[in-house]
């Protein structure tokens, strides 16, 4: 399967959004310290964060890596095929992005990156650009974007809980 958009890998550049797509940027404080960063990074890289959200994940590998195929299942009905387009594993920054494949209800890319700032604060950033690809996504209009924002916020909430920082 091939990607359904041209700007493959573009979420590496924070804030970039190709013409005709809708941007998304949600940043959530996860906690503080090296242990929280390591736990959050592992949960993101191993699909644990997504599975803890109740999202079905069928991946061709146990860990995110460039080229890994992932099918996300929402509400047990909507199947969204994707492929990991890049990963990063640095001292203070870990994450990955996937791009949509044929059959996905949306067209675009989404990145999930955990960062630890200089003061030790750990953040999850969800950056994406998308546009509807299926009739039902187009018909839902702005509601689809609202659901995408809610999903991104939920990622942060779930990751904070997984890291024992939910208060």
C-alpha atoms as a PDB file:
ATOM      1  CA  UNK A   1       0.000   0.000   0.000  1.00  0.00           C
ATOM      2  CA  UNK A   2       1.154   3.512  -0.692  1.00  0.00           C
ATOM      3  CA  UNK A   3       0.708   6.715   1.276  1.00  0.00           C
ATOM      4  CA  UNK A   4      -2.362   8.826   0.562  1.00  0.00           C
ATOM      5  CA  UNK A   5      -0.530  12.178   0.640  1.00  0.00           C
ATOM      6  CA  UNK A   6       2.674  13.682  -0.747  1.00  0.00           C
ATOM      7  CA  UNK A   7       4.339  15.367   2.253  1.00  0.00           C
ATOM      8  CA  UNK A   8       5.545  12.098   3.840  1.00  0.00           C
ATOM      9  CA  UNK A   9       7.686  12.832   6.908  1.00  0.00           C
ATOM     10  CA  UNK A  10       6.631  16.471   7.155  1.00  0.00           C
ATOM     11  CA  UNK A  11       5.579  16.233  10.817  1.00  0.00           C
ATOM     12  CA  UNK A  12       9.296  16.275  11.694  1.00  0.00           C
ATOM     13  CA  UNK A  13       9.004  20.020  11.182  1.00  0.00           C
ATOM     14  CA  UNK A  14       6.771  21.273  14.011  1.00  0.00           C
ATOM     15  CA  UNK A  15       4.095  23.602  12.743  1.00  0.00           C
ATOM     16  CA  UNK A  16       4.320  22.578   9.089  1.00  0.00           C
ATOM     17  CA  UNK A  17       0.982  21.952   7.396  1.00  0.00           C
ATOM     18  CA  UNK A  18       0.704  21.313   3.660  1.00  0.00           C
ATOM     19  CA  UNK A  19      -1.847  23.388   1.738  1.00  0.00           C
ATOM     20  CA  UNK A  20      -5.338  21.889   1.857  1.00  0.00           C
ATOM     21  CA  UNK A  21      -4.796  20.109   5.193  1.00  0.00           C
ATOM     22  CA  UNK A  22      -5.919  20.995   8.719  1.00  0.00           C
ATOM     23  CA  UNK A  23      -3.160  21.331  11.365  1.00  0.00           C
ATOM     24  CA  UNK A  24      -3.303  19.885  14.859  1.00  0.00           C
ATOM     25  CA  UNK A  25      -0.944  20.607  17.730  1.00  0.00           C
ATOM     26  CA  UNK A  26      -1.692  19.472  21.284  1.00  0.00           C
ATOM     27  CA  UNK A  27       0.962  19.587  24.001  1.00  0.00           C
ATOM     28  CA  UNK A  28       0.297  17.983  27.393  1.00  0.00           C
ATOM     29  CA  UNK A  29       2.422  18.031  30.530  1.00  0.00           C
ATOM     30  CA  UNK A  30       3.065  14.415  31.545  1.00  0.00           C
ATOM     31  CA  UNK A  31       5.186  14.923  34.672  1.00  0.00           C
ATOM     32  CA  UNK A  32       8.753  15.578  35.738  1.00  0.00           C
ATOM     33  CA  UNK A  33      12.078  13.805  35.816  1.00  0.00           C
ATOM     34  CA  UNK A  34      14.142  11.217  34.023  1.00  0.00           C
ATOM     35  CA  UNK A  35      12.073   8.242  35.231  1.00  0.00           C
ATOM     36  CA  UNK A  36       8.847   9.779  33.929  1.00  0.00           C
ATOM     37  CA  UNK A  37      10.537  10.567  30.618  1.00  0.00           C
ATOM     38  CA  UNK A  38      11.809   7.012  30.202  1.00  0.00           C
ATOM     39  CA  UNK A  39       8.447   5.493  31.135  1.00  0.00           C
ATOM     40  CA  UNK A  40       6.559   7.832  28.792  1.00  0.00           C
ATOM     41  CA  UNK A  41       8.987   7.221  25.935  1.00  0.00           C
ATOM     42  CA  UNK A  42       8.646   3.454  26.303  1.00  0.00           C
ATOM     43  CA  UNK A  43       4.830   3.658  26.438  1.00  0.00           C
ATOM     44  CA  UNK A  44       4.774   5.694  23.225  1.00  0.00           C
ATOM     45  CA  UNK A  45       7.309   3.557  21.357  1.00  0.00           C
ATOM     46  CA  UNK A  46       5.640   0.218  22.241  1.00  0.00           C
ATOM     47  CA  UNK A  47       2.010   1.237  21.445  1.00  0.00           C
ATOM     48  CA  UNK A  48       1.164   0.949  25.175  1.00  0.00           C
ATOM     49  CA  UNK A  49      -0.245   4.495  25.294  1.00  0.00           C
ATOM     50  CA  UNK A  50      -2.585   3.780  22.382  1.00  0.00           C
ATOM     51  CA  UNK A  51      -3.716   0.422  23.755  1.00  0.00           C
ATOM     52  CA  UNK A  52      -4.358   1.967  27.189  1.00  0.00           C
ATOM     53  CA  UNK A  53      -6.722   4.392  25.451  1.00  0.00           C
ATOM     54  CA  UNK A  54      -8.812   1.448  24.284  1.00  0.00           C
ATOM     55  CA  UNK A  55      -7.673   1.805  20.688  1.00  0.00           C
ATOM     56  CA  UNK A  56      -7.047  -1.390  18.778  1.00  0.00           C
ATOM     57  CA  UNK A  57      -3.470  -1.604  17.499  1.00  0.00           C
ATOM     58  CA  UNK A  58      -2.331  -4.254  15.056  1.00  0.00           C
ATOM     59  CA  UNK A  59       1.329  -3.573  14.263  1.00  0.00           C
ATOM     60  CA  UNK A  60       3.898  -5.504  12.256  1.00  0.00           C
ATOM     61  CA  UNK A  61       6.442  -4.966  15.083  1.00  0.00           C
ATOM     62  CA  UNK A  62       6.371  -4.635  18.869  1.00  0.00           C
ATOM     63  CA  UNK A  63       8.063  -1.246  18.706  1.00  0.00           C
ATOM     64  CA  UNK A  64       7.677   1.783  16.444  1.00  0.00           C
ATOM     65  CA  UNK A  65      10.268   1.841  13.656  1.00  0.00           C
ATOM     66  CA  UNK A  66      10.318   3.356  10.207  1.00  0.00           C
ATOM     67  CA  UNK A  67       8.368   1.129   7.827  1.00  0.00           C
ATOM     68  CA  UNK A  68       6.263  -0.632  10.480  1.00  0.00           C
ATOM     69  CA  UNK A  69       2.648  -1.045   9.341  1.00  0.00           C
ATOM     70  CA  UNK A  70       0.000  -0.232  11.942  1.00  0.00           C
ATOM     71  CA  UNK A  71      -3.757  -0.612  11.716  1.00  0.00           C
ATOM     72  CA  UNK A  72      -5.616   1.440  14.297  1.00  0.00           C
ATOM     73  CA  UNK A  73      -9.159   0.272  15.061  1.00  0.00           C
ATOM     74  CA  UNK A  74     -11.566   2.793  16.544  1.00  0.00           C
ATOM     75  CA  UNK A  75     -14.817   1.786  18.223  1.00  0.00           C
ATOM     76  CA  UNK A  76     -14.241  -1.757  16.973  1.00  0.00           C
ATOM     77  CA  UNK A  77     -15.470  -0.692  13.544  1.00  0.00           C
ATOM     78  CA  UNK A  78     -13.288   1.906  11.858  1.00  0.00           C
ATOM     79  CA  UNK A  79      -9.991   0.493  10.616  1.00  0.00           C
ATOM     80  CA  UNK A  80      -7.274   3.024   9.865  1.00  0.00           C
ATOM     81  CA  UNK A  81      -4.175   1.618   8.109  1.00  0.00           C
ATOM     82  CA  UNK A  82      -0.951   3.589   8.627  1.00  0.00           C
ATOM     83  CA  UNK A  83       2.811   3.201   8.284  1.00  0.00           C
ATOM     84  CA  UNK A  84       5.489   4.644  10.570  1.00  0.00           C
ATOM     85  CA  UNK A  85       7.375   7.270   8.539  1.00  0.00           C
ATOM     86  CA  UNK A  86      10.008   8.369  11.068  1.00  0.00           C
ATOM     87  CA  UNK A  87      11.196   7.798  14.611  1.00  0.00           C
ATOM     88  CA  UNK A  88      13.445   9.691  16.982  1.00  0.00           C
ATOM     89  CA  UNK A  89      15.188   8.359  20.091  1.00  0.00           C
ATOM     90  CA  UNK A  90      17.408  11.004  21.634  1.00  0.00           C
ATOM     91  CA  UNK A  91      18.511  11.877  25.155  1.00  0.00           C
ATOM     92  CA  UNK A  92      15.562  14.249  25.752  1.00  0.00           C
ATOM     93  CA  UNK A  93      13.243  13.438  22.840  1.00  0.00           C
ATOM     94  CA  UNK A  94      11.593  10.182  21.739  1.00  0.00           C
ATOM     95  CA  UNK A  95       8.696   9.445  19.415  1.00  0.00           C
ATOM     96  CA  UNK A  96       7.427   8.614  15.978  1.00  0.00           C
ATOM     97  CA  UNK A  97       4.957   9.548  13.272  1.00  0.00           C
ATOM     98  CA  UNK A  98       2.743   7.534  11.016  1.00  0.00           C
ATOM     99  CA  UNK A  99       1.185   8.371   7.703  1.00  0.00           C
ATOM    100  CA  UNK A 100      -2.123   7.241   6.309  1.00  0.00           C
ATOM    101  CA  UNK A 101      -2.443   4.433   3.794  1.00  0.00           C
ATOM    102  CA  UNK A 102      -5.276   3.617   1.423  1.00  0.00           C
ATOM    103  CA  UNK A 103      -8.451   2.794   3.347  1.00  0.00           C
ATOM    104  CA  UNK A 104      -7.813   5.250   6.208  1.00  0.00           C
ATOM    105  CA  UNK A 105     -10.770   7.603   6.859  1.00  0.00           C
ATOM    106  CA  UNK A 106      -8.375  10.560   6.895  1.00  0.00           C
ATOM    107  CA  UNK A 107      -5.430  11.549   4.745  1.00  0.00           C
ATOM    108  CA  UNK A 108      -2.285  12.875   6.441  1.00  0.00           C
ATOM    109  CA  UNK A 109       0.260  12.279   9.161  1.00  0.00           C
ATOM    110  CA  UNK A 110       0.366  12.259  12.965  1.00  0.00           C
ATOM    111  CA  UNK A 111       3.363  12.400  15.305  1.00  0.00           C
ATOM    112  CA  UNK A 112       3.613  11.459  18.996  1.00  0.00           C
ATOM    113  CA  UNK A 113       6.762  12.851  20.651  1.00  0.00           C
ATOM    114  CA  UNK A 114       7.796  12.830  24.321  1.00  0.00           C
ATOM    115  CA  UNK A 115      10.258  15.568  25.331  1.00  0.00           C
ATOM    116  CA  UNK A 116      12.039  16.440  28.575  1.00  0.00           C
ATOM    117  CA  UNK A 117      12.833  20.137  28.853  1.00  0.00           C
ATOM    118  CA  UNK A 118      15.829  21.670  30.616  1.00  0.00           C
ATOM    119  CA  UNK A 119      13.878  22.072  33.861  1.00  0.00           C
ATOM    120  CA  UNK A 120      12.972  18.346  33.802  1.00  0.00           C
ATOM    121  CA  UNK A 121       9.346  18.742  32.760  1.00  0.00           C
ATOM    122  CA  UNK A 122       8.115  15.934  30.486  1.00  0.00           C
ATOM    123  CA  UNK A 123       5.700  16.786  27.679  1.00  0.00           C
ATOM    124  CA  UNK A 124       3.799  14.819  25.060  1.00  0.00           C
ATOM    125  CA  UNK A 125       3.281  16.643  21.774  1.00  0.00           C
ATOM    126  CA  UNK A 126       0.808  15.343  19.225  1.00  0.00           C
ATOM    127  CA  UNK A 127       1.294  17.091  15.887  1.00  0.00           C
ATOM    128  CA  UNK A 128      -0.657  16.279  12.768  1.00  0.00           C
ATOM    129  CA  UNK A 129      -2.045  17.462   9.491  1.00  0.00           C
ATOM    130  CA  UNK A 130      -5.045  15.844   7.893  1.00  0.00           C
ATOM    131  CA  UNK A 131      -8.031  16.134   5.613  1.00  0.00           C
ATOM    132  CA  UNK A 132     -11.005  13.810   5.087  1.00  0.00           C
ATOM    133  CA  UNK A 133     -10.489  10.823   2.814  1.00  0.00           C
ATOM    134  CA  UNK A 134     -13.809   8.969   3.215  1.00  0.00           C
ATOM    135  CA  UNK A 135     -17.338  10.232   2.653  1.00  0.00           C
ATOM    136  CA  UNK A 136     -18.227   9.919   6.351  1.00  0.00           C
ATOM    137  CA  UNK A 137     -15.177  11.973   7.389  1.00  0.00           C
ATOM    138  CA  UNK A 138     -16.181  14.708   4.947  1.00  0.00           C
ATOM    139  CA  UNK A 139     -19.809  14.555   6.086  1.00  0.00           C
ATOM    140  CA  UNK A 140     -18.780  14.990   9.736  1.00  0.00           C
ATOM    141  CA  UNK A 141     -16.886  18.188   8.821  1.00  0.00           C
ATOM    142  CA  UNK A 142     -15.653  20.124  11.860  1.00  0.00           C
ATOM    143  CA  UNK A 143     -16.815  17.344  14.201  1.00  0.00           C
ATOM    144  CA  UNK A 144     -14.020  15.144  12.814  1.00  0.00           C
ATOM    145  CA  UNK A 145     -11.421  17.765  13.762  1.00  0.00           C
ATOM    146  CA  UNK A 146     -13.006  18.050  17.210  1.00  0.00           C
ATOM    147  CA  UNK A 147     -12.664  14.298  17.679  1.00  0.00           C
ATOM    148  CA  UNK A 148      -9.021  14.465  16.561  1.00  0.00           C
ATOM    149  CA  UNK A 149      -8.297  17.166  19.170  1.00  0.00           C
ATOM    150  CA  UNK A 150     -10.092  15.153  21.867  1.00  0.00           C
ATOM    151  CA  UNK A 151      -8.051  12.071  20.892  1.00  0.00           C
ATOM    152  CA  UNK A 152      -4.782  14.035  21.138  1.00  0.00           C
ATOM    153  CA  UNK A 153      -5.740  15.423  24.563  1.00  0.00           C
ATOM    154  CA  UNK A 154      -6.691  11.919  25.725  1.00  0.00           C
ATOM    155  CA  UNK A 155      -3.246  10.652  24.650  1.00  0.00           C
ATOM    156  CA  UNK A 156      -1.688  13.067  27.151  1.00  0.00           C
ATOM    157  CA  UNK A 157      -4.110  12.169  29.926  1.00  0.00           C
ATOM    158  CA  UNK A 158      -3.549   8.442  29.465  1.00  0.00           C
ATOM    159  CA  UNK A 159       0.230   8.823  29.240  1.00  0.00           C
ATOM    160  CA  UNK A 160       0.284  10.870  32.458  1.00  0.00           C
ATOM    161  CA  UNK A 161      -1.685   8.086  34.173  1.00  0.00           C
ATOM    162  CA  UNK A 162       0.638   5.378  32.812  1.00  0.00           C
ATOM    163  CA  UNK A 163       3.598   7.297  34.234  1.00  0.00           C
ATOM    164  CA  UNK A 164       1.978   7.541  37.653  1.00  0.00           C
ATOM    165  CA  UNK A 165       1.675  11.315  37.400  1.00  0.00           C
ATOM    166  CA  UNK A 166      -2.132  11.587  37.245  1.00  0.00           C
ATOM    167  CA  UNK A 167      -3.299  13.549  40.247  1.00  0.00           C
END
